[in-house]
Amino acid sequence: MMFQTGSITPCASRRAAKALVCIYLFSLSGCFKPTKKIAIIPQTTAVTIWEAEHAGTHFAIEKSKEPNIQLYWNAPTSEDDVQQQATLIEKVIDEHYSALILAPDQTLPLMAPVQKALKHGLRVVVIASPLTLPASRNLSYIVNDDQASGYMAAMRIGNILHGSGRVAVFGVTPESLSSLAILHSFETTLENNYPSIIISERRFGTHNGTEAQQSADEMLASDHALNAIFALSSASCDGAFAALKARGLTSRVKLIGFEQSAELANLIRLGFIDSVIAENTYEMGYRAIRLLTEPSTSSPQYIRLQPTLLTRKNIDSPQTRPLISTDWSRR
């Protein structure tokens, strides 16, 4: 039997070459994954709690098995610039990021931008202070336990005032769900456990240092029998301390703050203020990256992290030091 051999035509040769190229490109697709772009928008920049969050996200990236992650970090220069936060979210949407980690300045103004981000397919993790949107497959929460914070502040004041006295609440932010939740928990705890402690005044907050000091000074002038102040933000605590120092009242009027900073930690060490309730923003940033680099699950994620009371006794302990340190090399 005879076999006839035929030559490969130019057309068949081109088809074969094209098939080889397709096979080669297909094999490469398993080696090179597209870059995952994650945006991080805290409430503001250059302050302890958000630099700690920044450090937490970078440590999570180091431990992640995702090699192709690009982080975008930006925030308003002031915590009351909610319009700038909304603008940054719009930028993230327009530039087709895959995920967003947001610490909202306020609740209502940021609802629409976050909903738009979700509609465009972004996975969103809201940290620190919650929104009223329910958690879903693409929307997770890693927030501070605000009820625990209010309880912790009330019990601390009840203890140092020995169950009776006058306290003012300074720095209430009506636009923040966290601020209102802390205030409610604080008031309820005092009412249930220390009925002889009277809340003499509740004052709104400001992120301007001069205005905060002036408002705190007016508060002190209106109540000469005041025994303690609970400040609901680091800016309010700074302003209250400045007013107390100017009037020589740092020993007589006890100051308890919420929201830590390196400066407030030093005032605790020196005994100028009593204590500060700290949020674990480092852990929030770390867990947010872990959520976004792990496969998406259908079950909503809503995580509350416990706050820590920083006092002169524990301010430099190994357990509390990470809350006020921005050392990115720590593990």
C-alpha atoms as a PDB file:
ATOM      1  CA  MET A   1       0.000   0.000   0.000  1.00  0.00           C
ATOM      2  CA  MET A   2       1.324   3.318  -0.900  1.00  0.00           C
ATOM      3  CA  PHE A   3       0.977   6.462   1.217  1.00  0.00           C
ATOM      4  CA  GLN A   4       0.941   9.823  -0.399  1.00  0.00           C
ATOM      5  CA  THR A   5       2.510  12.670   1.528  1.00  0.00           C
ATOM      6  CA  GLY A   6       1.181  16.171   1.072  1.00  0.00           C
ATOM      7  CA  SER A   7       2.711  19.580   1.771  1.00  0.00           C
ATOM      8  CA  ILE A   8       1.328  22.053   4.344  1.00  0.00           C
ATOM      9  CA  THR A   9      -0.317  24.970   2.657  1.00  0.00           C
ATOM     10  CA  PRO A  10       0.505  28.590   3.750  1.00  0.00           C
ATOM     11  CA  CYS A  11      -3.053  28.989   5.088  1.00  0.00           C
ATOM     12  CA  ALA A  12      -2.765  25.886   7.276  1.00  0.00           C
ATOM     13  CA  SER A  13       0.624  27.072   8.518  1.00  0.00           C
ATOM     14  CA  ARG A  14      -0.839  30.398   9.626  1.00  0.00           C
ATOM     15  CA  ARG A  15      -3.688  28.637  11.458  1.00  0.00           C
ATOM     16  CA  ALA A  16      -1.232  26.393  13.276  1.00  0.00           C
ATOM     17  CA  ALA A  17       0.929  29.340  14.326  1.00  0.00           C
ATOM     18  CA  LYS A  18      -2.123  31.219  15.549  1.00  0.00           C
ATOM     19  CA  ALA A  19      -3.210  28.217  17.616  1.00  0.00           C
ATOM     20  CA  LEU A  20       0.229  27.981  19.215  1.00  0.00           C
ATOM     21  CA  VAL A  21       0.108  31.677  20.166  1.00  0.00           C
ATOM     22  CA  CYS A  22      -3.325  31.194  21.760  1.00  0.00           C
ATOM     23  CA  ILE A  23      -2.079  28.217  23.772  1.00  0.00           C
ATOM     24  CA  TYR A  24       0.945  30.219  24.944  1.00  0.00           C
ATOM     25  CA  LEU A  25      -1.137  33.209  26.001  1.00  0.00           C
ATOM     26  CA  PHE A  26      -3.597  30.959  27.776  1.00  0.00           C
ATOM     27  CA  SER A  27      -0.762  29.361  29.758  1.00  0.00           C
ATOM     28  CA  LEU A  28       0.507  32.809  30.759  1.00  0.00           C
ATOM     29  CA  SER A  29      -2.896  33.912  32.019  1.00  0.00           C
ATOM     30  CA  GLY A  30      -2.553  31.574  34.968  1.00  0.00           C
ATOM     31  CA  CYS A  31       0.756  33.176  35.950  1.00  0.00           C
ATOM     32  CA  PHE A  32      -0.108  36.859  35.721  1.00  0.00           C
ATOM     33  CA  LYS A  33      -3.158  38.046  37.642  1.00  0.00           C
ATOM     34  CA  PRO A  34      -4.607  41.512  37.109  1.00  0.00           C
ATOM     35  CA  THR A  35      -3.764  44.134  39.723  1.00  0.00           C
ATOM     36  CA  LYS A  36      -6.357  44.505  42.484  1.00  0.00           C
ATOM     37  CA  LYS A  37      -6.757  48.206  43.248  1.00  0.00           C
ATOM     38  CA  ILE A  38      -7.926  48.969  46.800  1.00  0.00           C
ATOM     39  CA  ALA A  39      -8.688  52.512  47.948  1.00  0.00           C
ATOM     40  CA  ILE A  40      -8.387  53.508  51.620  1.00  0.00           C
ATOM     41  CA  ILE A  41     -10.162  56.704  52.675  1.00  0.00           C
ATOM     42  CA  PRO A  42      -9.944  57.433  56.427  1.00  0.00           C
ATOM     43  CA  GLN A  43     -11.588  60.379  58.161  1.00  0.00           C
ATOM     44  CA  THR A  44      -8.427  62.468  57.888  1.00  0.00           C
ATOM     45  CA  THR A  45      -4.661  62.072  57.655  1.00  0.00           C
ATOM     46  CA  ALA A  46      -1.606  62.627  59.847  1.00  0.00           C
ATOM     47  CA  VAL A  47      -3.284  61.628  63.125  1.00  0.00           C
ATOM     48  CA  THR A  48      -2.492  58.636  65.285  1.00  0.00           C
ATOM     49  CA  ILE A  49      -5.613  56.528  64.863  1.00  0.00           C
ATOM     50  CA  TRP A  50      -5.631  56.682  61.052  1.00  0.00           C
ATOM     51  CA  GLU A  51      -1.883  56.228  60.704  1.00  0.00           C
ATOM     52  CA  ALA A  52      -2.375  53.095  62.816  1.00  0.00           C
ATOM     53  CA  GLU A  53      -5.038  51.933  60.353  1.00  0.00           C
ATOM     54  CA  HIS A  54      -2.589  52.601  57.521  1.00  0.00           C
ATOM     55  CA  ALA A  55       0.019  50.462  59.257  1.00  0.00           C
ATOM     56  CA  GLY A  56      -2.518  47.665  59.766  1.00  0.00           C
ATOM     57  CA  THR A  57      -3.430  47.570  56.081  1.00  0.00           C
ATOM     58  CA  HIS A  58       0.209  47.362  55.020  1.00  0.00           C
ATOM     59  CA  PHE A  59       0.941  44.548  57.445  1.00  0.00           C
ATOM     60  CA  ALA A  60      -2.053  42.656  56.053  1.00  0.00           C
ATOM     61  CA  ILE A  61      -0.718  43.153  52.514  1.00  0.00           C
ATOM     62  CA  GLU A  62       2.643  41.717  53.582  1.00  0.00           C
ATOM     63  CA  LYS A  63       0.943  38.602  54.934  1.00  0.00           C
ATOM     64  CA  SER A  64      -1.473  38.277  52.010  1.00  0.00           C
ATOM     65  CA  LYS A  65      -0.995  35.681  49.304  1.00  0.00           C
ATOM     66  CA  GLU A  66      -2.210  38.246  46.763  1.00  0.00           C
ATOM     67  CA  PRO A  67       0.941  39.562  45.033  1.00  0.00           C
ATOM     68  CA  ASN A  68      -0.732  42.150  42.800  1.00  0.00           C
ATOM     69  CA  ILE A  69      -2.400  44.639  45.145  1.00  0.00           C
ATOM     70  CA  GLN A  70      -2.214  48.389  44.601  1.00  0.00           C
ATOM     71  CA  LEU A  71      -3.228  50.644  47.509  1.00  0.00           C
ATOM     72  CA  TYR A  72      -4.517  54.177  47.123  1.00  0.00           C
ATOM     73  CA  TRP A  73      -4.504  56.195  50.358  1.00  0.00           C
ATOM     74  CA  ASN A  74      -6.085  59.634  50.591  1.00  0.00           C
ATOM     75  CA  ALA A  75      -8.320  61.604  52.956  1.00  0.00           C
ATOM     76  CA  PRO A  76      -9.539  65.118  53.750  1.00  0.00           C
ATOM     77  CA  THR A  77      -7.235  67.372  55.765  1.00  0.00           C
ATOM     78  CA  SER A  78     -10.060  67.900  58.273  1.00  0.00           C
ATOM     79  CA  GLU A  79     -12.592  65.455  59.716  1.00  0.00           C
ATOM     80  CA  ASP A  80     -15.472  67.824  58.985  1.00  0.00           C
ATOM     81  CA  ASP A  81     -14.758  67.967  55.237  1.00  0.00           C
ATOM     82  CA  VAL A  82     -17.346  65.351  54.302  1.00  0.00           C
ATOM     83  CA  GLN A  83     -17.659  66.755  50.757  1.00  0.00           C
ATOM     84  CA  GLN A  84     -14.002  65.929  50.120  1.00  0.00           C
ATOM     85  CA  GLN A  85     -14.618  62.350  51.272  1.00  0.00           C
ATOM     86  CA  ALA A  86     -17.515  62.070  48.842  1.00  0.00           C
ATOM     87  CA  THR A  87     -15.337  63.464  46.036  1.00  0.00           C
ATOM     88  CA  LEU A  88     -12.624  60.900  46.771  1.00  0.00           C
ATOM     89  CA  ILE A  89     -15.174  58.078  46.595  1.00  0.00           C
ATOM     90  CA  GLU A  90     -16.326  59.371  43.192  1.00  0.00           C
ATOM     91  CA  LYS A  91     -12.686  59.354  42.020  1.00  0.00           C
ATOM     92  CA  VAL A  92     -12.297  55.738  43.143  1.00  0.00           C
ATOM     93  CA  ILE A  93     -15.430  54.751  41.217  1.00  0.00           C
ATOM     94  CA  ASP A  94     -14.351  56.593  38.054  1.00  0.00           C
ATOM     95  CA  GLU A  95     -10.914  54.963  38.109  1.00  0.00           C
ATOM     96  CA  HIS A  96     -12.425  51.475  38.395  1.00  0.00           C
ATOM     97  CA  TYR A  97     -11.036  50.374  41.716  1.00  0.00           C
ATOM     98  CA  SER A  98     -12.151  46.957  42.880  1.00  0.00           C
ATOM     99  CA  ALA A  99     -12.558  47.732  46.580  1.00  0.00           C
ATOM    100  CA  LEU A 100     -12.870  50.569  49.107  1.00  0.00           C
ATOM    101  CA  ILE A 101     -12.075  50.834  52.827  1.00  0.00           C
ATOM    102  CA  LEU A 102     -13.898  53.854  54.252  1.00  0.00           C
ATOM    103  CA  ALA A 103     -13.965  55.490  57.687  1.00  0.00           C
ATOM    104  CA  PRO A 104     -16.918  57.876  57.214  1.00  0.00           C
ATOM    105  CA  ASP A 105     -16.786  61.389  58.639  1.00  0.00           C
ATOM    106  CA  GLN A 106     -20.579  61.577  58.755  1.00  0.00           C
ATOM    107  CA  THR A 107     -23.442  59.195  58.127  1.00  0.00           C
ATOM    108  CA  LEU A 108     -26.116  60.686  55.860  1.00  0.00           C
ATOM    109  CA  PRO A 109     -23.940  62.587  53.317  1.00  0.00           C
ATOM    110  CA  LEU A 110     -21.917  59.455  52.516  1.00  0.00           C
ATOM    111  CA  MET A 111     -24.826  57.070  52.014  1.00  0.00           C
ATOM    112  CA  ALA A 112     -25.331  57.936  48.333  1.00  0.00           C
ATOM    113  CA  PRO A 113     -21.601  57.723  47.351  1.00  0.00           C
ATOM    114  CA  VAL A 114     -21.269  54.321  49.051  1.00  0.00           C
ATOM    115  CA  GLN A 115     -24.443  53.052  47.375  1.00  0.00           C
ATOM    116  CA  LYS A 116     -23.051  54.211  44.030  1.00  0.00           C
ATOM    117  CA  ALA A 117     -19.779  52.379  44.699  1.00  0.00           C
ATOM    118  CA  LEU A 118     -21.697  49.187  45.460  1.00  0.00           C
ATOM    119  CA  LYS A 119     -23.781  49.619  42.302  1.00  0.00           C
ATOM    120  CA  HIS A 120     -20.554  49.810  40.276  1.00  0.00           C
ATOM    121  CA  GLY A 121     -19.373  46.497  41.722  1.00  0.00           C
ATOM    122  CA  LEU A 122     -16.894  47.654  44.362  1.00  0.00           C
ATOM    123  CA  ARG A 123     -16.513  45.669  47.552  1.00  0.00           C
ATOM    124  CA  VAL A 124     -16.749  48.131  50.446  1.00  0.00           C
ATOM    125  CA  VAL A 125     -15.575  47.774  54.051  1.00  0.00           C
ATOM    126  CA  VAL A 126     -16.774  50.513  56.396  1.00  0.00           C
ATOM    127  CA  ILE A 127     -14.631  50.857  59.511  1.00  0.00           C
ATOM    128  CA  ALA A 128     -14.784  52.731  62.833  1.00  0.00           C
ATOM    129  CA  SER A 129     -18.235  54.349  62.528  1.00  0.00           C
ATOM    130  CA  PRO A 130     -21.166  52.591  60.808  1.00  0.00           C
ATOM    131  CA  LEU A 131     -23.627  53.716  58.177  1.00  0.00           C
ATOM    132  CA  THR A 132     -27.320  52.819  58.179  1.00  0.00           C
ATOM    133  CA  LEU A 133     -26.934  50.575  55.119  1.00  0.00           C
ATOM    134  CA  PRO A 134     -27.314  46.887  56.025  1.00  0.00           C
ATOM    135  CA  ALA A 135     -24.309  44.609  55.642  1.00  0.00           C
ATOM    136  CA  SER A 136     -24.399  42.520  52.471  1.00  0.00           C
ATOM    137  CA  ARG A 137     -22.191  40.370  50.307  1.00  0.00           C
ATOM    138  CA  ASN A 138     -20.242  43.420  49.059  1.00  0.00           C
ATOM    139  CA  LEU A 139     -20.651  45.656  52.119  1.00  0.00           C
ATOM    140  CA  SER A 140     -18.931  44.736  55.384  1.00  0.00           C
ATOM    141  CA  TYR A 141     -18.454  46.560  58.670  1.00  0.00           C
ATOM    142  CA  ILE A 142     -15.517  46.487  61.085  1.00  0.00           C
ATOM    143  CA  VAL A 143     -16.450  49.095  63.662  1.00  0.00           C
ATOM    144  CA  ASN A 144     -15.774  50.156  67.207  1.00  0.00           C
ATOM    145  CA  ASP A 145     -18.148  48.839  69.879  1.00  0.00           C
ATOM    146  CA  ASP A 146     -19.701  52.201  70.708  1.00  0.00           C
ATOM    147  CA  GLN A 147     -21.972  50.827  73.398  1.00  0.00           C
ATOM    148  CA  ALA A 148     -18.944  49.422  75.199  1.00  0.00           C
ATOM    149  CA  SER A 149     -17.169  52.785  74.845  1.00  0.00           C
ATOM    150  CA  GLY A 150     -20.004  54.702  76.502  1.00  0.00           C
ATOM    151  CA  TYR A 151     -20.275  52.106  79.250  1.00  0.00           C
ATOM    152  CA  MET A 152     -16.516  52.200  79.852  1.00  0.00           C
ATOM    153  CA  ALA A 153     -16.462  56.019  80.151  1.00  0.00           C
ATOM    154  CA  ALA A 154     -19.443  56.083  82.538  1.00  0.00           C
ATOM    155  CA  MET A 155     -17.990  53.418  84.818  1.00  0.00           C
ATOM    156  CA  ARG A 156     -14.623  55.190  84.884  1.00  0.00           C
ATOM    157  CA  ILE A 157     -16.227  58.502  85.849  1.00  0.00           C
ATOM    158  CA  GLY A 158     -18.411  56.795  88.437  1.00  0.00           C
ATOM    159  CA  ASN A 159     -15.316  55.256  89.973  1.00  0.00           C
ATOM    160  CA  ILE A 160     -13.101  58.377  90.105  1.00  0.00           C
ATOM    161  CA  LEU A 161     -15.989  60.559  91.380  1.00  0.00           C
ATOM    162  CA  HIS A 162     -16.941  57.940  93.977  1.00  0.00           C
ATOM    163  CA  GLY A 163     -20.502  57.798  92.737  1.00  0.00           C
ATOM    164  CA  SER A 164     -21.549  61.456  92.909  1.00  0.00           C
ATOM    165  CA  GLY A 165     -20.779  64.770  91.214  1.00  0.00           C
ATOM    166  CA  ARG A 166     -21.316  66.797  88.058  1.00  0.00           C
ATOM    167  CA  VAL A 167     -20.064  65.832  84.597  1.00  0.00           C
ATOM    168  CA  ALA A 168     -20.256  67.546  81.206  1.00  0.00           C
ATOM    169  CA  VAL A 169     -20.262  65.772  77.837  1.00  0.00           C
ATOM    170  CA  PHE A 170     -18.205  67.688  75.292  1.00  0.00           C
ATOM    171  CA  GLY A 171     -17.834  67.152  71.542  1.00  0.00           C
ATOM    172  CA  VAL A 172     -21.139  65.521  70.583  1.00  0.00           C
ATOM    173  CA  THR A 173     -21.430  65.108  66.789  1.00  0.00           C
ATOM    174  CA  PRO A 174     -25.108  64.716  65.816  1.00  0.00           C
ATOM    175  CA  GLU A 175     -24.164  63.679  62.258  1.00  0.00           C
ATOM    176  CA  SER A 176     -22.246  60.626  63.545  1.00  0.00           C
ATOM    177  CA  LEU A 177     -24.056  57.430  64.531  1.00  0.00           C
ATOM    178  CA  SER A 178     -21.065  56.483  66.687  1.00  0.00           C
ATOM    179  CA  SER A 179     -21.112  59.727  68.649  1.00  0.00           C
ATOM    180  CA  LEU A 180     -24.834  59.389  69.365  1.00  0.00           C
ATOM    181  CA  ALA A 181     -24.490  55.709  70.322  1.00  0.00           C
ATOM    182  CA  ILE A 182     -21.650  56.471  72.748  1.00  0.00           C
ATOM    183  CA  LEU A 183     -23.628  59.313  74.300  1.00  0.00           C
ATOM    184  CA  HIS A 184     -26.728  57.140  74.764  1.00  0.00           C
ATOM    185  CA  SER A 185     -24.725  54.317  76.341  1.00  0.00           C
ATOM    186  CA  PHE A 186     -22.903  56.778  78.614  1.00  0.00           C
ATOM    187  CA  GLU A 187     -26.138  58.370  79.833  1.00  0.00           C
ATOM    188  CA  THR A 188     -27.895  55.035  80.356  1.00  0.00           C
ATOM    189  CA  THR A 189     -24.970  53.554  82.279  1.00  0.00           C
ATOM    190  CA  LEU A 190     -24.728  56.555  84.613  1.00  0.00           C
ATOM    191  CA  GLU A 191     -28.481  56.506  85.197  1.00  0.00           C
ATOM    192  CA  ASN A 192     -28.490  52.805  86.042  1.00  0.00           C
ATOM    193  CA  ASN A 193     -25.298  52.623  88.087  1.00  0.00           C
ATOM    194  CA  TYR A 194     -24.558  56.120  89.404  1.00  0.00           C
ATOM    195  CA  PRO A 195     -27.836  58.060  89.755  1.00  0.00           C
ATOM    196  CA  SER A 196     -26.120  60.658  91.969  1.00  0.00           C
ATOM    197  CA  ILE A 197     -23.894  61.785  89.089  1.00  0.00           C
ATOM    198  CA  ILE A 198     -25.584  64.586  87.150  1.00  0.00           C
ATOM    199  CA  ILE A 199     -24.878  65.390  83.493  1.00  0.00           C
ATOM    200  CA  SER A 200     -24.866  69.177  83.729  1.00  0.00           C
ATOM    201  CA  GLU A 201     -24.300  69.961  80.045  1.00  0.00           C
ATOM    202  CA  ARG A 202     -23.977  68.424  76.589  1.00  0.00           C
ATOM    203  CA  ARG A 203     -22.018  70.422  74.014  1.00  0.00           C
ATOM    204  CA  PHE A 204     -21.505  69.935  70.282  1.00  0.00           C
ATOM    205  CA  GLY A 205     -18.001  69.383  68.993  1.00  0.00           C
ATOM    206  CA  THR A 206     -15.710  71.085  66.516  1.00  0.00           C
ATOM    207  CA  HIS A 207     -12.539  69.979  64.756  1.00  0.00           C
ATOM    208  CA  ASN A 208     -10.989  73.424  65.073  1.00  0.00           C
ATOM    209  CA  GLY A 209      -8.624  73.538  68.055  1.00  0.00           C
ATOM    210  CA  THR A 210      -9.155  77.207  68.892  1.00  0.00           C
ATOM    211  CA  GLU A 211     -12.935  76.881  68.718  1.00  0.00           C
ATOM    212  CA  ALA A 212     -12.856  73.712  70.843  1.00  0.00           C
ATOM    213  CA  GLN A 213     -10.840  75.455  73.561  1.00  0.00           C
ATOM    214  CA  GLN A 214     -13.157  78.456  73.523  1.00  0.00           C
ATOM    215  CA  SER A 215     -16.262  76.276  73.776  1.00  0.00           C
ATOM    216  CA  ALA A 216     -14.739  74.270  76.633  1.00  0.00           C
ATOM    217  CA  ASP A 217     -13.802  77.461  78.435  1.00  0.00           C
ATOM    218  CA  GLU A 218     -17.395  78.713  78.175  1.00  0.00           C
ATOM    219  CA  MET A 219     -18.561  75.408  79.597  1.00  0.00           C
ATOM    220  CA  LEU A 220     -16.207  75.719  82.581  1.00  0.00           C
ATOM    221  CA  ALA A 221     -17.279  79.329  83.180  1.00  0.00           C
ATOM    222  CA  SER A 222     -20.941  78.321  83.286  1.00  0.00           C
ATOM    223  CA  ASP A 223     -20.467  75.537  85.862  1.00  0.00           C
ATOM    224  CA  HIS A 224     -17.908  76.167  88.614  1.00  0.00           C
ATOM    225  CA  ALA A 225     -18.956  72.956  90.387  1.00  0.00           C
ATOM    226  CA  LEU A 226     -18.038  70.696  87.477  1.00  0.00           C
ATOM    227  CA  ASN A 227     -16.126  67.568  88.524  1.00  0.00           C
ATOM    228  CA  ALA A 228     -15.453  65.776  85.233  1.00  0.00           C
ATOM    229  CA  ILE A 229     -15.608  66.106  81.445  1.00  0.00           C
ATOM    230  CA  PHE A 230     -16.169  63.314  78.934  1.00  0.00           C
ATOM    231  CA  ALA A 231     -14.838  64.398  75.519  1.00  0.00           C
ATOM    232  CA  LEU A 232     -16.122  62.462  72.501  1.00  0.00           C
ATOM    233  CA  SER A 233     -13.204  63.112  70.116  1.00  0.00           C
ATOM    234  CA  SER A 234      -9.482  63.761  70.282  1.00  0.00           C
ATOM    235  CA  ALA A 235     -10.015  67.358  69.092  1.00  0.00           C
ATOM    236  CA  SER A 236     -12.573  67.962  71.848  1.00  0.00           C
ATOM    237  CA  CYS A 237     -10.267  66.397  74.409  1.00  0.00           C
ATOM    238  CA  ASP A 238      -7.387  68.634  73.272  1.00  0.00           C
ATOM    239  CA  GLY A 239      -9.613  71.695  73.545  1.00  0.00           C
ATOM    240  CA  ALA A 240     -10.938  70.708  76.963  1.00  0.00           C
ATOM    241  CA  PHE A 241      -7.413  70.140  78.274  1.00  0.00           C
ATOM    242  CA  ALA A 242      -6.239  73.528  76.990  1.00  0.00           C
ATOM    243  CA  ALA A 243      -9.164  75.239  78.739  1.00  0.00           C
ATOM    244  CA  LEU A 244      -8.563  73.344  81.982  1.00  0.00           C
ATOM    245  CA  LYS A 245      -4.862  74.159  81.893  1.00  0.00           C
ATOM    246  CA  ALA A 246      -5.527  77.870  81.300  1.00  0.00           C
ATOM    247  CA  ARG A 247      -7.800  77.950  84.350  1.00  0.00           C
ATOM    248  CA  GLY A 248      -5.501  75.792  86.520  1.00  0.00           C
ATOM    249  CA  LEU A 249      -8.159  73.052  86.825  1.00  0.00           C
ATOM    250  CA  THR A 250      -6.364  69.983  85.502  1.00  0.00           C
ATOM    251  CA  SER A 251      -6.157  68.469  89.001  1.00  0.00           C
ATOM    252  CA  ARG A 252      -9.703  69.244  90.125  1.00  0.00           C
ATOM    253  CA  VAL A 253     -11.724  68.491  86.981  1.00  0.00           C
ATOM    254  CA  LYS A 254     -11.095  64.983  85.657  1.00  0.00           C
ATOM    255  CA  LEU A 255     -10.901  64.617  81.873  1.00  0.00           C
ATOM    256  CA  ILE A 256     -11.761  61.381  80.072  1.00  0.00           C
ATOM    257  CA  GLY A 257     -11.442  61.287  76.301  1.00  0.00           C
ATOM    258  CA  PHE A 258     -12.524  59.097  73.419  1.00  0.00           C
ATOM    259  CA  GLU A 259     -10.258  58.619  70.368  1.00  0.00           C
ATOM    260  CA  GLN A 260      -6.582  58.253  71.104  1.00  0.00           C
ATOM    261  CA  SER A 261      -3.605  60.253  69.898  1.00  0.00           C
ATOM    262  CA  ALA A 262       0.097  60.283  70.724  1.00  0.00           C
ATOM    263  CA  GLU A 263      -0.311  63.722  72.330  1.00  0.00           C
ATOM    264  CA  LEU A 264      -3.146  62.587  74.604  1.00  0.00           C
ATOM    265  CA  ALA A 265      -1.169  59.499  75.568  1.00  0.00           C
ATOM    266  CA  ASN A 266       1.650  61.732  76.756  1.00  0.00           C
ATOM    267  CA  LEU A 267      -0.811  63.805  78.835  1.00  0.00           C
ATOM    268  CA  ILE A 268      -1.962  60.578  80.500  1.00  0.00           C
ATOM    269  CA  ARG A 269       1.649  59.696  81.330  1.00  0.00           C
ATOM    270  CA  LEU A 270       2.130  63.127  82.907  1.00  0.00           C
ATOM    271  CA  GLY A 271      -1.100  62.837  84.904  1.00  0.00           C
ATOM    272  CA  PHE A 272      -2.730  65.870  83.250  1.00  0.00           C
ATOM    273  CA  ILE A 273      -5.731  63.916  82.011  1.00  0.00           C
ATOM    274  CA  ASP A 274      -7.273  60.829  83.564  1.00  0.00           C
ATOM    275  CA  SER A 275      -7.783  58.446  80.651  1.00  0.00           C
ATOM    276  CA  VAL A 276      -8.709  57.928  76.996  1.00  0.00           C
ATOM    277  CA  ILE A 277     -10.859  55.239  75.397  1.00  0.00           C
ATOM    278  CA  ALA A 278      -8.988  53.914  72.370  1.00  0.00           C
ATOM    279  CA  GLU A 279     -10.333  52.398  69.159  1.00  0.00           C
ATOM    280  CA  ASN A 280      -8.325  49.567  67.626  1.00  0.00           C
ATOM    281  CA  THR A 281      -7.941  51.092  64.173  1.00  0.00           C
ATOM    282  CA  TYR A 282      -4.801  49.049  63.469  1.00  0.00           C
ATOM    283  CA  GLU A 283      -6.864  45.870  63.735  1.00  0.00           C
ATOM    284  CA  MET A 284      -9.650  47.444  61.651  1.00  0.00           C
ATOM    285  CA  GLY A 285      -7.243  48.125  58.786  1.00  0.00           C
ATOM    286  CA  TYR A 286      -5.679  44.687  59.078  1.00  0.00           C
ATOM    287  CA  ARG A 287      -9.001  42.848  59.058  1.00  0.00           C
ATOM    288  CA  ALA A 288     -10.408  44.968  56.241  1.00  0.00           C
ATOM    289  CA  ILE A 289      -7.577  43.937  53.902  1.00  0.00           C
ATOM    290  CA  ARG A 290      -8.020  40.308  54.932  1.00  0.00           C
ATOM    291  CA  LEU A 291     -11.704  40.478  54.066  1.00  0.00           C
ATOM    292  CA  LEU A 292     -10.976  42.003  50.671  1.00  0.00           C
ATOM    293  CA  THR A 293      -8.204  39.569  49.726  1.00  0.00           C
ATOM    294  CA  GLU A 294     -10.135  36.477  50.712  1.00  0.00           C
ATOM    295  CA  PRO A 295     -12.855  35.012  48.486  1.00  0.00           C
ATOM    296  CA  SER A 296     -16.158  36.853  48.824  1.00  0.00           C
ATOM    297  CA  THR A 297     -18.784  35.087  50.906  1.00  0.00           C
ATOM    298  CA  SER A 298     -22.541  35.440  50.727  1.00  0.00           C
ATOM    299  CA  SER A 299     -22.878  35.948  54.490  1.00  0.00           C
ATOM    300  CA  PRO A 300     -22.788  39.613  55.625  1.00  0.00           C
ATOM    301  CA  GLN A 301     -19.835  40.594  57.810  1.00  0.00           C
ATOM    302  CA  TYR A 302     -20.469  42.918  60.772  1.00  0.00           C
ATOM    303  CA  ILE A 303     -17.598  42.928  63.256  1.00  0.00           C
ATOM    304  CA  ARG A 304     -17.426  45.028  66.421  1.00  0.00           C
ATOM    305  CA  LEU A 305     -14.010  45.490  68.035  1.00  0.00           C
ATOM    306  CA  GLN A 306     -13.719  46.180  71.735  1.00  0.00           C
ATOM    307  CA  PRO A 307     -12.222  49.526  72.815  1.00  0.00           C
ATOM    308  CA  THR A 308      -9.485  49.829  75.425  1.00  0.00           C
ATOM    309  CA  LEU A 309      -9.312  52.214  78.382  1.00  0.00           C
ATOM    310  CA  LEU A 310      -5.865  53.845  78.429  1.00  0.00           C
ATOM    311  CA  THR A 311      -4.757  54.982  81.886  1.00  0.00           C
ATOM    312  CA  ARG A 312      -1.490  55.920  83.514  1.00  0.00           C
ATOM    313  CA  LYS A 313      -1.153  52.338  84.733  1.00  0.00           C
ATOM    314  CA  ASN A 314      -1.324  50.656  81.334  1.00  0.00           C
ATOM    315  CA  ILE A 315      -0.369  53.365  78.817  1.00  0.00           C
ATOM    316  CA  ASP A 316       3.018  51.762  78.080  1.00  0.00           C
ATOM    317  CA  SER A 317       2.083  48.112  78.514  1.00  0.00           C
ATOM    318  CA  PRO A 318       2.755  45.697  75.614  1.00  0.00           C
ATOM    319  CA  GLN A 319      -1.001  45.242  75.188  1.00  0.00           C
ATOM    320  CA  THR A 320      -1.895  48.925  74.789  1.00  0.00           C
ATOM    321  CA  ARG A 321       1.237  50.330  73.152  1.00  0.00           C
ATOM    322  CA  PRO A 322       0.169  49.281  69.612  1.00  0.00           C
ATOM    323  CA  LEU A 323      -2.954  51.454  69.936  1.00  0.00           C
ATOM    324  CA  ILE A 324      -0.908  54.649  70.067  1.00  0.00           C
ATOM    325  CA  SER A 325       2.081  53.607  67.979  1.00  0.00           C
ATOM    326  CA  THR A 326       2.387  54.124  64.240  1.00  0.00           C
ATOM    327  CA  ASP A 327       5.470  51.925  63.948  1.00  0.00           C
ATOM    328  CA  TRP A 328       4.813  50.028  60.728  1.00  0.00           C
ATOM    329  CA  SER A 329       7.519  47.479  61.523  1.00  0.00           C
ATOM    330  CA  ARG A 330       5.687  45.985  64.506  1.00  0.00           C
ATOM    331  CA  ARG A 331       4.247  42.513  64.178  1.00  0.00           C
END
